[in-house]
Amino acid sequence: MRTIERGVSYYTTGKATLTVPFPEDKTCCQWCPFVRNEDSLKRHRCLLTGEYLPYPFTSRGNECPIVFDEEE
């Protein structure tokens, strides 16, 4: 495998499909396993999107990639 010596000329992208469990229809960021509380900064951050979450206890982030089945 080559090393990157003079910068990146292109990126190869891929997609991942994840199953994210939420307890009893509670679908706000608070219950997502991909949200971390940054104690030193007193804020929550999504590990999937990098978005800082102002209301993790009442809603989901604007960039949240999680899609729910209509049946649920």
PDB file of N, CA and C in Angstrom:
ATOM      1  N   MET A   1       0.831  -1.175   0.000  1.00  0.00           N
ATOM      2  CA  MET A   1       0.000   0.000   0.000  1.00  0.00           C
ATOM      3  C   MET A   1       0.876   1.239   0.000  1.00  0.00           C
ATOM      4  N   ARG A   2       0.501   2.211  -0.818  1.00  0.00           N
ATOM      5  CA  ARG A   2       1.294   3.444  -0.905  1.00  0.00           C
ATOM      6  C   ARG A   2       1.043   4.338   0.291  1.00  0.00           C
ATOM      7  N   THR A   3       2.019   5.151   0.582  1.00  0.00           N
ATOM      8  CA  THR A   3       1.843   6.162   1.616  1.00  0.00           C
ATOM      9  C   THR A   3       1.430   7.477   0.972  1.00  0.00           C
ATOM     10  N   ILE A   4       0.823   8.333   1.737  1.00  0.00           N
ATOM     11  CA  ILE A   4       0.393   9.636   1.230  1.00  0.00           C
ATOM     12  C   ILE A   4       1.477  10.643   1.587  1.00  0.00           C
ATOM     13  N   GLU A   5       2.226  11.045   0.574  1.00  0.00           N
ATOM     14  CA  GLU A   5       3.347  11.952   0.818  1.00  0.00           C
ATOM     15  C   GLU A   5       3.051  13.390   0.419  1.00  0.00           C
ATOM     16  N   ARG A   6       2.261  13.572  -0.629  1.00  0.00           N
ATOM     17  CA  ARG A   6       2.040  14.923  -1.161  1.00  0.00           C
ATOM     18  C   ARG A   6       0.567  15.338  -1.111  1.00  0.00           C
ATOM     19  N   GLY A   7      -0.152  14.814  -0.166  1.00  0.00           N
ATOM     20  CA  GLY A   7      -1.565  15.174  -0.043  1.00  0.00           C
ATOM     21  C   GLY A   7      -2.470  14.133  -0.687  1.00  0.00           C
ATOM     22  N   VAL A   8      -3.726  14.253  -0.404  1.00  0.00           N
ATOM     23  CA  VAL A   8      -4.729  13.326  -0.907  1.00  0.00           C
ATOM     24  C   VAL A   8      -5.286  13.854  -2.218  1.00  0.00           C
ATOM     25  N   SER A   9      -5.290  13.037  -3.250  1.00  0.00           N
ATOM     26  CA  SER A   9      -5.826  13.476  -4.532  1.00  0.00           C
ATOM     27  C   SER A   9      -7.305  13.110  -4.685  1.00  0.00           C
ATOM     28  N   TYR A  10      -7.797  12.107  -3.971  1.00  0.00           N
ATOM     29  CA  TYR A  10      -9.221  11.749  -3.998  1.00  0.00           C
ATOM     30  C   TYR A  10      -9.538  10.858  -2.805  1.00  0.00           C
ATOM     31  N   TYR A  11     -10.823  10.725  -2.515  1.00  0.00           N
ATOM     32  CA  TYR A  11     -11.291   9.838  -1.448  1.00  0.00           C
ATOM     33  C   TYR A  11     -12.193   8.772  -2.040  1.00  0.00           C
ATOM     34  N   THR A  12     -12.109   7.590  -1.515  1.00  0.00           N
ATOM     35  CA  THR A  12     -13.030   6.519  -1.849  1.00  0.00           C
ATOM     36  C   THR A  12     -14.030   6.451  -0.703  1.00  0.00           C
ATOM     37  N   THR A  13     -15.327   6.568  -1.017  1.00  0.00           N
ATOM     38  CA  THR A  13     -16.335   6.590   0.039  1.00  0.00           C
ATOM     39  C   THR A  13     -17.156   5.314   0.049  1.00  0.00           C
ATOM     40  N   GLY A  14     -17.705   5.027   1.191  1.00  0.00           N
ATOM     41  CA  GLY A  14     -18.571   3.869   1.360  1.00  0.00           C
ATOM     42  C   GLY A  14     -19.711   4.237   2.294  1.00  0.00           C
ATOM     43  N   LYS A  15     -20.694   3.384   2.385  1.00  0.00           N
ATOM     44  CA  LYS A  15     -21.836   3.611   3.262  1.00  0.00           C
ATOM     45  C   LYS A  15     -21.977   2.436   4.217  1.00  0.00           C
ATOM     46  N   ALA A  16     -22.477   2.734   5.399  1.00  0.00           N
ATOM     47  CA  ALA A  16     -22.709   1.696   6.393  1.00  0.00           C
ATOM     48  C   ALA A  16     -24.171   1.752   6.818  1.00  0.00           C
ATOM     49  N   THR A  17     -24.750   0.606   7.038  1.00  0.00           N
ATOM     50  CA  THR A  17     -26.103   0.520   7.565  1.00  0.00           C
ATOM     51  C   THR A  17     -26.008  -0.005   8.980  1.00  0.00           C
ATOM     52  N   LEU A  18     -26.557   0.761   9.916  1.00  0.00           N
ATOM     53  CA  LEU A  18     -26.493   0.398  11.324  1.00  0.00           C
ATOM     54  C   LEU A  18     -27.894   0.212  11.876  1.00  0.00           C
ATOM     55  N   THR A  19     -28.039  -0.679  12.827  1.00  0.00           N
ATOM     56  CA  THR A  19     -29.277  -0.810  13.571  1.00  0.00           C
ATOM     57  C   THR A  19     -29.045  -0.142  14.914  1.00  0.00           C
ATOM     58  N   VAL A  20     -29.871   0.845  15.221  1.00  0.00           N
ATOM     59  CA  VAL A  20     -29.703   1.613  16.455  1.00  0.00           C
ATOM     60  C   VAL A  20     -30.926   1.377  17.337  1.00  0.00           C
ATOM     61  N   PRO A  21     -30.746   0.751  18.495  1.00  0.00           N
ATOM     62  CA  PRO A  21     -31.892   0.476  19.372  1.00  0.00           C
ATOM     63  C   PRO A  21     -32.238   1.672  20.267  1.00  0.00           C
ATOM     64  N   PHE A  22     -33.531   1.994  20.333  1.00  0.00           N
ATOM     65  CA  PHE A  22     -34.033   3.025  21.229  1.00  0.00           C
ATOM     66  C   PHE A  22     -35.063   2.367  22.150  1.00  0.00           C
ATOM     67  N   PRO A  23     -35.053   2.682  23.441  1.00  0.00           N
ATOM     68  CA  PRO A  23     -36.007   2.045  24.354  1.00  0.00           C
ATOM     69  C   PRO A  23     -37.410   2.637  24.245  1.00  0.00           C
ATOM     70  N   GLU A  24     -38.390   1.782  24.060  1.00  0.00           N
ATOM     71  CA  GLU A  24     -39.805   2.133  24.146  1.00  0.00           C
ATOM     72  C   GLU A  24     -40.193   3.413  23.415  1.00  0.00           C
ATOM     73  N   ASP A  25     -39.849   3.511  22.144  1.00  0.00           N
ATOM     74  CA  ASP A  25     -40.199   4.659  21.286  1.00  0.00           C
ATOM     75  C   ASP A  25     -39.589   5.979  21.737  1.00  0.00           C
ATOM     76  N   LYS A  26     -38.586   5.946  22.564  1.00  0.00           N
ATOM     77  CA  LYS A  26     -37.899   7.176  22.984  1.00  0.00           C
ATOM     78  C   LYS A  26     -36.757   7.409  21.998  1.00  0.00           C
ATOM     79  N   THR A  27     -37.037   8.187  20.958  1.00  0.00           N
ATOM     80  CA  THR A  27     -36.099   8.328  19.845  1.00  0.00           C
ATOM     81  C   THR A  27     -35.337   9.646  19.853  1.00  0.00           C
ATOM     82  N   CYS A  28     -35.101  10.211  21.013  1.00  0.00           N
ATOM     83  CA  CYS A  28     -34.286  11.424  21.073  1.00  0.00           C
ATOM     84  C   CYS A  28     -32.818  11.037  21.292  1.00  0.00           C
ATOM     85  N   CYS A  29     -31.949  11.968  21.057  1.00  0.00           N
ATOM     86  CA  CYS A  29     -30.508  11.709  21.109  1.00  0.00           C
ATOM     87  C   CYS A  29     -30.041  11.150  22.452  1.00  0.00           C
ATOM     88  N   GLN A  30     -30.725  11.501  23.507  1.00  0.00           N
ATOM     89  CA  GLN A  30     -30.344  11.043  24.844  1.00  0.00           C
ATOM     90  C   GLN A  30     -30.151   9.528  24.900  1.00  0.00           C
ATOM     91  N   TRP A  31     -30.953   8.781  24.156  1.00  0.00           N
ATOM     92  CA  TRP A  31     -30.932   7.327  24.225  1.00  0.00           C
ATOM     93  C   TRP A  31     -30.097   6.676  23.127  1.00  0.00           C
ATOM     94  N   CYS A  32     -29.501   7.460  22.264  1.00  0.00           N
ATOM     95  CA  CYS A  32     -28.711   6.911  21.156  1.00  0.00           C
ATOM     96  C   CYS A  32     -27.316   6.517  21.647  1.00  0.00           C
ATOM     97  N   PRO A  33     -26.849   5.316  21.298  1.00  0.00           N
ATOM     98  CA  PRO A  33     -25.513   4.901  21.726  1.00  0.00           C
ATOM     99  C   PRO A  33     -24.379   5.653  21.018  1.00  0.00           C
ATOM    100  N   PHE A  34     -24.711   6.449  20.009  1.00  0.00           N
ATOM    101  CA  PHE A  34     -23.691   7.201  19.281  1.00  0.00           C
ATOM    102  C   PHE A  34     -23.600   8.661  19.721  1.00  0.00           C
ATOM    103  N   VAL A  35     -24.180   8.986  20.855  1.00  0.00           N
ATOM    104  CA  VAL A  35     -24.106  10.343  21.403  1.00  0.00           C
ATOM    105  C   VAL A  35     -23.212  10.322  22.631  1.00  0.00           C
ATOM    106  N   ARG A  36     -22.327  11.290  22.697  1.00  0.00           N
ATOM    107  CA  ARG A  36     -21.411  11.388  23.837  1.00  0.00           C
ATOM    108  C   ARG A  36     -21.555  12.736  24.509  1.00  0.00           C
ATOM    109  N   ASN A  37     -21.505  12.708  25.817  1.00  0.00           N
ATOM    110  CA  ASN A  37     -21.523  13.929  26.614  1.00  0.00           C
ATOM    111  C   ASN A  37     -20.074  14.338  26.829  1.00  0.00           C
ATOM    112  N   GLU A  38     -19.737  15.499  26.357  1.00  0.00           N
ATOM    113  CA  GLU A  38     -18.385  16.025  26.559  1.00  0.00           C
ATOM    114  C   GLU A  38     -18.418  16.849  27.840  1.00  0.00           C
ATOM    115  N   ASP A  39     -18.159  16.187  28.962  1.00  0.00           N
ATOM    116  CA  ASP A  39     -18.285  16.807  30.283  1.00  0.00           C
ATOM    117  C   ASP A  39     -17.491  18.092  30.418  1.00  0.00           C
ATOM    118  N   SER A  40     -16.283  18.088  29.915  1.00  0.00           N
ATOM    119  CA  SER A  40     -15.443  19.272  30.084  1.00  0.00           C
ATOM    120  C   SER A  40     -16.017  20.494  29.362  1.00  0.00           C
ATOM    121  N   LEU A  41     -16.781  20.249  28.290  1.00  0.00           N
ATOM    122  CA  LEU A  41     -17.358  21.356  27.519  1.00  0.00           C
ATOM    123  C   LEU A  41     -18.847  21.550  27.813  1.00  0.00           C
ATOM    124  N   LYS A  42     -19.423  20.655  28.603  1.00  0.00           N
ATOM    125  CA  LYS A  42     -20.849  20.704  28.967  1.00  0.00           C
ATOM    126  C   LYS A  42     -21.755  20.720  27.741  1.00  0.00           C
ATOM    127  N   ARG A  43     -21.509  19.790  26.824  1.00  0.00           N
ATOM    128  CA  ARG A  43     -22.352  19.668  25.640  1.00  0.00           C
ATOM    129  C   ARG A  43     -22.343  18.225  25.147  1.00  0.00           C
ATOM    130  N   HIS A  44     -23.328  17.885  24.324  1.00  0.00           N
ATOM    131  CA  HIS A  44     -23.457  16.554  23.739  1.00  0.00           C
ATOM    132  C   HIS A  44     -23.082  16.628  22.263  1.00  0.00           C
ATOM    133  N   ARG A  45     -22.525  15.521  21.770  1.00  0.00           N
ATOM    134  CA  ARG A  45     -22.070  15.485  20.378  1.00  0.00           C
ATOM    135  C   ARG A  45     -22.397  14.135  19.765  1.00  0.00           C
ATOM    136  N   CYS A  46     -22.854  14.141  18.523  1.00  0.00           N
ATOM    137  CA  CYS A  46     -23.143  12.916  17.788  1.00  0.00           C
ATOM    138  C   CYS A  46     -21.845  12.376  17.200  1.00  0.00           C
ATOM    139  N   LEU A  47     -21.564  11.107  17.468  1.00  0.00           N
ATOM    140  CA  LEU A  47     -20.346  10.492  16.936  1.00  0.00           C
ATOM    141  C   LEU A  47     -20.484  10.121  15.460  1.00  0.00           C
ATOM    142  N   LEU A  48     -21.713  10.039  14.961  1.00  0.00           N
ATOM    143  CA  LEU A  48     -21.914   9.709  13.546  1.00  0.00           C
ATOM    144  C   LEU A  48     -21.737  10.923  12.639  1.00  0.00           C
ATOM    145  N   THR A  49     -22.232  12.071  13.068  1.00  0.00           N
ATOM    146  CA  THR A  49     -22.217  13.257  12.209  1.00  0.00           C
ATOM    147  C   THR A  49     -21.259  14.343  12.678  1.00  0.00           C
ATOM    148  N   GLY A  50     -20.849  14.283  13.942  1.00  0.00           N
ATOM    149  CA  GLY A  50     -20.005  15.329  14.495  1.00  0.00           C
ATOM    150  C   GLY A  50     -20.790  16.550  14.952  1.00  0.00           C
ATOM    151  N   GLU A  51     -22.106  16.491  14.826  1.00  0.00           N
ATOM    152  CA  GLU A  51     -22.967  17.617  15.179  1.00  0.00           C
ATOM    153  C   GLU A  51     -23.047  17.798  16.692  1.00  0.00           C
ATOM    154  N   TYR A  52     -22.996  19.038  17.144  1.00  0.00           N
ATOM    155  CA  TYR A  52     -23.243  19.341  18.551  1.00  0.00           C
ATOM    156  C   TYR A  52     -24.745  19.450  18.746  1.00  0.00           C
ATOM    157  N   LEU A  53     -25.239  18.860  19.808  1.00  0.00           N
ATOM    158  CA  LEU A  53     -26.672  18.706  20.012  1.00  0.00           C
ATOM    159  C   LEU A  53     -27.177  19.609  21.128  1.00  0.00           C
ATOM    160  N   PRO A  54     -27.908  20.666  20.792  1.00  0.00           N
ATOM    161  CA  PRO A  54     -28.370  21.595  21.826  1.00  0.00           C
ATOM    162  C   PRO A  54     -29.498  21.029  22.689  1.00  0.00           C
ATOM    163  N   TYR A  55     -30.314  20.101  22.146  1.00  0.00           N
ATOM    164  CA  TYR A  55     -31.455  19.555  22.885  1.00  0.00           C
ATOM    165  C   TYR A  55     -31.476  18.023  22.828  1.00  0.00           C
ATOM    166  N   PRO A  56     -30.472  17.349  23.365  1.00  0.00           N
ATOM    167  CA  PRO A  56     -30.411  15.893  23.250  1.00  0.00           C
ATOM    168  C   PRO A  56     -31.485  15.153  24.045  1.00  0.00           C
ATOM    169  N   PHE A  57     -32.127  15.822  24.995  1.00  0.00           N
ATOM    170  CA  PHE A  57     -33.117  15.151  25.833  1.00  0.00           C
ATOM    171  C   PHE A  57     -34.539  15.260  25.286  1.00  0.00           C
ATOM    172  N   THR A  58     -34.745  16.088  24.253  1.00  0.00           N
ATOM    173  CA  THR A  58     -36.097  16.278  23.729  1.00  0.00           C
ATOM    174  C   THR A  58     -36.216  16.071  22.219  1.00  0.00           C
ATOM    175  N   SER A  59     -35.099  15.978  21.494  1.00  0.00           N
ATOM    176  CA  SER A  59     -35.187  15.861  20.036  1.00  0.00           C
ATOM    177  C   SER A  59     -33.959  15.145  19.485  1.00  0.00           C
ATOM    178  N   ARG A  60     -33.940  15.017  18.147  1.00  0.00           N
ATOM    179  CA  ARG A  60     -32.770  14.472  17.461  1.00  0.00           C
ATOM    180  C   ARG A  60     -32.107  15.606  16.700  1.00  0.00           C
ATOM    181  N   GLY A  61     -30.825  15.449  16.411  1.00  0.00           N
ATOM    182  CA  GLY A  61     -30.077  16.470  15.695  1.00  0.00           C
ATOM    183  C   GLY A  61     -30.561  16.668  14.271  1.00  0.00           C
ATOM    184  N   ASN A  62     -30.285  17.828  13.714  1.00  0.00           N
ATOM    185  CA  ASN A  62     -30.689  18.147  12.345  1.00  0.00           C
ATOM    186  C   ASN A  62     -30.017  17.253  11.313  1.00  0.00           C
ATOM    187  N   GLU A  63     -28.844  16.754  11.627  1.00  0.00           N
ATOM    188  CA  GLU A  63     -28.083  15.921  10.689  1.00  0.00           C
ATOM    189  C   GLU A  63     -28.240  14.428  10.960  1.00  0.00           C
ATOM    190  N   CYS A  64     -29.166  14.050  11.829  1.00  0.00           N
ATOM    191  CA  CYS A  64     -29.314  12.649  12.224  1.00  0.00           C
ATOM    192  C   CYS A  64     -29.603  11.767  11.006  1.00  0.00           C
ATOM    193  N   PRO A  65     -28.770  10.738  10.772  1.00  0.00           N
ATOM    194  CA  PRO A  65     -28.965   9.881   9.608  1.00  0.00           C
ATOM    195  C   PRO A  65     -29.922   8.705   9.858  1.00  0.00           C
ATOM    196  N   ILE A  66     -30.456   8.594  11.070  1.00  0.00           N
ATOM    197  CA  ILE A  66     -31.295   7.443  11.414  1.00  0.00           C
ATOM    198  C   ILE A  66     -32.685   7.633  10.818  1.00  0.00           C
ATOM    199  N   VAL A  67     -33.143   6.597  10.116  1.00  0.00           N
ATOM    200  CA  VAL A  67     -34.473   6.593   9.503  1.00  0.00           C
ATOM    201  C   VAL A  67     -35.267   5.497  10.187  1.00  0.00           C
ATOM    202  N   PHE A  68     -36.485   5.822  10.587  1.00  0.00           N
ATOM    203  CA  PHE A  68     -37.337   4.856  11.265  1.00  0.00           C
ATOM    204  C   PHE A  68     -38.367   4.290  10.305  1.00  0.00           C
ATOM    205  N   ASP A  69     -38.701   3.020  10.490  1.00  0.00           N
ATOM    206  CA  ASP A  69     -39.759   2.403   9.694  1.00  0.00           C
ATOM    207  C   ASP A  69     -41.072   3.102   9.987  1.00  0.00           C
ATOM    208  N   GLU A  70     -41.918   3.250   8.985  1.00  0.00           N
ATOM    209  CA  GLU A  70     -43.199   3.918   9.174  1.00  0.00           C
ATOM    210  C   GLU A  70     -44.099   3.136  10.124  1.00  0.00           C
ATOM    211  N   GLU A  71     -43.915   1.809  10.165  1.00  0.00           N
ATOM    212  CA  GLU A  71     -44.747   0.967  11.010  1.00  0.00           C
ATOM    213  C   GLU A  71     -44.511   1.223  12.488  1.00  0.00           C
ATOM    214  N   GLU A  72     -43.311   1.679  12.835  1.00  0.00           N
ATOM    215  CA  GLU A  72     -42.957   1.829  14.240  1.00  0.00           C
ATOM    216  C   GLU A  72     -43.442   3.119  14.797  1.00  0.00           C
TER     217      GLU A  72
END
